[in-house]
């Protein structure tokens, strides 16, 4: 009787946790920034290229 109650409690706990986590995961969506806003944010970042005389672009 006690073992059966413990098994049901564990089963319901796992099922409930799975159900609740599924709802939380579903709401996590990435929102992309427009290209113009990305370029505006990256504009002040300096970019350097190291090259020697042998490298031709």
Protein backbone atom coordinates (compact mmCIF):
# COMPACT_ATOMS: atom_id res chain seq x y z
CA UNK A 1 0.00 0.00 0.00
CA UNK A 2 2.75 2.49 0.96
CA UNK A 3 4.95 1.41 -1.97
CA UNK A 4 2.03 1.92 -4.34
CA UNK A 5 1.43 5.41 -2.94
CA UNK A 6 5.11 6.27 -3.31
CA UNK A 7 5.16 5.00 -6.92
CA UNK A 8 2.07 7.03 -7.81
CA UNK A 9 3.54 10.12 -6.16
CA UNK A 10 6.78 9.76 -8.10
CA UNK A 11 4.91 9.12 -11.36
CA UNK A 12 2.68 12.14 -10.90
CA UNK A 13 5.65 14.28 -9.86
CA UNK A 14 7.65 13.37 -12.96
CA UNK A 15 4.62 13.82 -15.23
CA UNK A 16 3.79 17.17 -13.65
CA UNK A 17 7.36 18.43 -13.89
CA UNK A 18 7.54 17.35 -17.53
CA UNK A 19 4.26 19.09 -18.33
CA UNK A 20 5.26 22.31 -16.57
CA UNK A 21 8.74 22.41 -18.11
CA UNK A 22 7.29 21.87 -21.59
CA UNK A 23 5.23 25.04 -21.20
CA UNK A 24 8.23 27.01 -19.97
CA UNK A 25 10.47 25.83 -22.85
CA UNK A 26 7.82 26.64 -25.43
CA UNK A 27 7.76 30.32 -24.36
CA UNK A 28 11.52 30.80 -24.84
CA UNK A 29 11.85 32.32 -28.29
CA UNK A 30 14.75 34.27 -29.73
CA UNK A 31 14.01 37.66 -31.20
CA UNK A 32 16.36 38.74 -33.98
CA UNK A 33 17.52 42.33 -34.27
CA UNK A 34 17.20 44.10 -37.62
CA UNK A 35 20.43 44.32 -39.63
CA UNK A 36 20.56 48.13 -39.31
CA UNK A 37 20.45 47.92 -35.51
CA UNK A 38 23.19 45.27 -35.43
CA UNK A 39 25.43 47.41 -37.65
CA UNK A 40 24.79 50.43 -35.41
CA UNK A 41 25.84 48.43 -32.33
CA UNK A 42 28.94 46.99 -34.02
CA UNK A 43 30.06 50.27 -35.63
CA UNK A 44 32.23 51.43 -32.67
CA UNK A 45 34.02 48.06 -32.44
CA UNK A 46 37.52 48.37 -33.96
CA UNK A 47 38.57 45.70 -36.43
CA UNK A 48 42.20 45.04 -37.34
CA UNK A 49 43.73 42.84 -39.99
CA UNK A 50 47.29 41.57 -39.75
CA UNK A 51 48.82 40.89 -43.14
CA UNK A 52 52.25 40.78 -44.70
CA UNK A 53 53.47 41.65 -48.18
CA UNK A 54 52.92 38.10 -49.44
CA UNK A 55 49.17 38.21 -48.85
CA UNK A 56 47.14 39.61 -51.73
CA UNK A 57 43.44 40.25 -51.48
